[in-house]
Every structure is written in structure tokens, then in C-alpha cells.
Amino acid sequence: MRLAEGESNRQIAKNLSITPSTARTHTRNVLTKLGVSSRVLAIASAQPVQVSIPALVPQPVPANPVDSLTRREREVLGCMVEGLARASIAARLGVSPNTVRTHVRHILAKLGVHSTPEAVALVSKWA
């Protein structure tokens, strides 16, 4: 669950009161069992959980945070969801790695997250 929410090993360790190396070992085991090579791919491949909300309790409909992104930022985000590294994103989109870094920085700021795994976890909630 914490991995799917984009938490780092350090955050997982702190929240579960375990050492970072133990969190790293557990994360590595989860990735192996899922058959993926990165945290981003694990998050992207996770199935969304369906939660039923009673009809009597009105729920606010939050705005999709991806709507605030530019077309190019959405392209970069799509590559991030695929698990591509920045150099691969740059090659695919025909831009420099520095340009990709700038787009990623803008994406993270607009989505209000601090890392690529957190961004992918957020986006997967809206997919």
C-alpha cells in the first residue's frame, strides 16, 4: 500500500518503525513478486481499488490534477508512467535530458508531489 502511494523507502521505514535497509529489502521483494523492475512500473501496474461510498453521503468531486498540465507535460508524464528514464524520454520526444528534467520538475510542482513514484501513484488513481 505504501509503495503504491509513492512513498520512498525512508518514508516507509519511518512510518512502519523499521530500518531503511529493511524497507529496501521488502520493496525489492515486492517488485520481484510483481515481476517489475522499478517502483514506477509497480505503481503503474497496480489495479485500482474500488470502494463503495454510500449514496446518502455526498462526496465532493475533486478536479483531476492532470488537467493543469500542458500537452508536452502530459506526454512526459505518460512516459514516466511507462517507467522510462529521463534519457529515454528525451530520445523519444526529441528533446534534451535537461528539457525533460525541467518538464518533470514542473509536473511534480503542479501535481503537488515530490517524486516520480508519487506522481505515477497520483495519476494511477485518476486512470
Protein backbone atom coordinates (compact mmCIF):
# COMPACT_ATOMS: atom_id res chain seq x y z
CA MET A 1 0.00 0.00 0.00
CA ARG A 2 2.74 2.47 0.94
CA LEU A 3 4.67 1.57 -2.20
CA ALA A 4 1.55 2.17 -4.30
CA GLU A 5 1.18 5.60 -2.71
CA GLY A 6 4.67 6.52 -3.91
CA GLU A 7 6.39 6.56 -0.52
CA SER A 8 10.17 6.30 -0.50
CA ASN A 9 11.97 3.59 1.45
CA ARG A 10 12.89 6.21 4.03
CA GLN A 11 9.23 7.25 4.44
CA ILE A 12 8.12 3.62 4.64
CA ALA A 13 10.77 2.89 7.27
CA LYS A 14 9.75 5.89 9.36
CA ASN A 15 6.02 5.13 9.14
CA LEU A 16 6.48 1.45 9.99
CA SER A 17 9.25 1.99 12.56
CA ILE A 18 11.72 -0.23 10.71
CA THR A 19 15.19 0.45 9.36
CA PRO A 20 15.59 1.85 5.84
CA SER A 21 17.51 -1.28 4.82
CA THR A 22 14.58 -3.45 5.94
CA ALA A 23 12.18 -1.27 3.96
CA ARG A 24 14.51 -1.55 0.94
CA THR A 25 14.55 -5.35 1.24
CA HIS A 26 10.75 -5.52 1.47
CA THR A 27 10.39 -3.18 -1.50
CA ARG A 28 12.79 -5.29 -3.55
CA ASN A 29 10.80 -8.43 -2.64
CA VAL A 30 7.52 -6.79 -3.67
CA LEU A 31 8.99 -5.71 -7.02
CA THR A 32 10.29 -9.23 -7.62
CA LYS A 33 6.91 -10.80 -6.81
CA LEU A 34 5.15 -8.35 -9.13
CA GLY A 35 7.67 -9.12 -11.88
CA VAL A 36 8.64 -5.48 -12.42
CA SER A 37 11.98 -3.73 -12.32
CA SER A 38 11.05 -0.39 -10.78
CA ARG A 39 8.74 1.26 -8.27
CA VAL A 40 7.15 3.28 -11.06
CA LEU A 41 6.24 0.14 -13.02
CA ALA A 42 4.83 -1.44 -9.85
CA ILE A 43 2.61 1.59 -9.26
CA ALA A 44 1.56 1.81 -12.90
CA SER A 45 0.60 -1.86 -13.00
CA ALA A 46 -1.38 -1.78 -9.76
CA GLN A 47 -5.11 -2.31 -10.13
CA PRO A 48 -7.25 0.49 -8.69
CA VAL A 49 -9.23 -0.50 -5.63
CA GLN A 50 -12.98 0.00 -5.88
CA VAL A 51 -14.52 1.47 -2.77
CA SER A 52 -18.27 1.79 -2.46
CA ILE A 53 -19.46 5.04 -0.96
CA PRO A 54 -22.96 5.20 0.49
CA ALA A 55 -25.27 7.23 -1.75
CA LEU A 56 -26.57 9.18 1.25
CA VAL A 57 -23.22 10.83 1.92
CA PRO A 58 -22.47 13.49 -0.70
CA GLN A 59 -18.84 13.39 -1.76
CA PRO A 60 -17.05 16.35 -3.33
CA VAL A 61 -15.69 15.64 -6.79
CA PRO A 62 -12.06 16.73 -6.85
CA ALA A 63 -10.61 18.20 -10.02
CA ASN A 64 -8.27 15.98 -11.98
CA PRO A 65 -4.77 17.34 -11.26
CA VAL A 66 -3.58 16.31 -14.73
CA ASP A 67 -5.86 18.96 -16.24
CA SER A 68 -3.37 21.64 -15.12
CA LEU A 69 -0.56 20.14 -17.24
CA THR A 70 0.41 21.33 -20.70
CA ARG A 71 0.25 18.95 -23.67
CA ARG A 72 4.01 18.38 -23.54
CA GLU A 73 3.96 17.82 -19.78
CA ARG A 74 1.26 15.18 -20.31
CA GLU A 75 3.48 13.49 -22.91
CA VAL A 76 6.38 13.45 -20.44
CA LEU A 77 4.08 12.20 -17.68
CA GLY A 78 2.89 9.39 -19.97
CA CYS A 79 6.49 8.34 -20.47
CA MET A 80 7.06 8.49 -16.72
CA VAL A 81 4.05 6.19 -16.19
CA GLU A 82 5.60 3.76 -18.69
CA GLY A 83 8.66 3.70 -16.45
CA LEU A 84 11.03 5.36 -18.91
CA ALA A 85 14.17 7.05 -17.61
CA ARG A 86 14.75 10.70 -18.41
CA ALA A 87 17.29 9.90 -21.14
CA SER A 88 14.77 7.56 -22.81
CA ILE A 89 12.04 10.19 -22.55
CA ALA A 90 14.38 12.74 -24.15
CA ALA A 91 15.17 10.37 -27.02
CA ARG A 92 11.51 9.51 -27.59
CA LEU A 93 10.35 13.14 -27.58
CA GLY A 94 13.38 14.54 -29.42
CA VAL A 95 14.40 16.94 -26.67
CA SER A 96 17.41 17.23 -24.39
CA PRO A 97 17.57 15.49 -21.00
CA ASN A 98 17.72 18.95 -19.41
CA THR A 99 14.40 19.83 -21.04
CA VAL A 100 12.90 16.62 -19.68
CA ARG A 101 14.25 17.49 -16.23
CA THR A 102 12.52 20.87 -16.44
CA HIS A 103 9.23 19.29 -17.54
CA VAL A 104 9.44 16.73 -14.72
CA ARG A 105 10.09 19.49 -12.19
CA HIS A 106 7.01 21.40 -13.46
CA ILE A 107 4.88 18.24 -13.42
CA LEU A 108 5.82 17.43 -9.84
CA ALA A 109 5.10 21.00 -8.74
CA LYS A 110 1.72 21.15 -10.49
CA LEU A 111 0.68 17.77 -9.08
CA GLY A 112 1.91 18.72 -5.62
CA VAL A 113 4.20 15.70 -5.24
CA HIS A 114 7.92 15.29 -4.61
CA SER A 115 8.95 12.29 -6.72
CA THR A 116 8.20 10.39 -9.90
CA PRO A 117 6.72 7.40 -8.00
CA GLU A 118 4.37 9.77 -6.15
CA ALA A 119 3.32 11.35 -9.46
CA VAL A 120 2.66 7.95 -11.03
CA ALA A 121 0.68 6.85 -7.96
CA LEU A 122 -1.42 10.01 -8.12
CA VAL A 123 -2.08 9.64 -11.84
CA SER A 124 -2.99 5.96 -11.48
CA LYS A 125 -5.79 6.98 -9.08
CA TRP A 126 -7.32 9.05 -11.89
CA ALA A 127 -6.92 6.43 -14.64
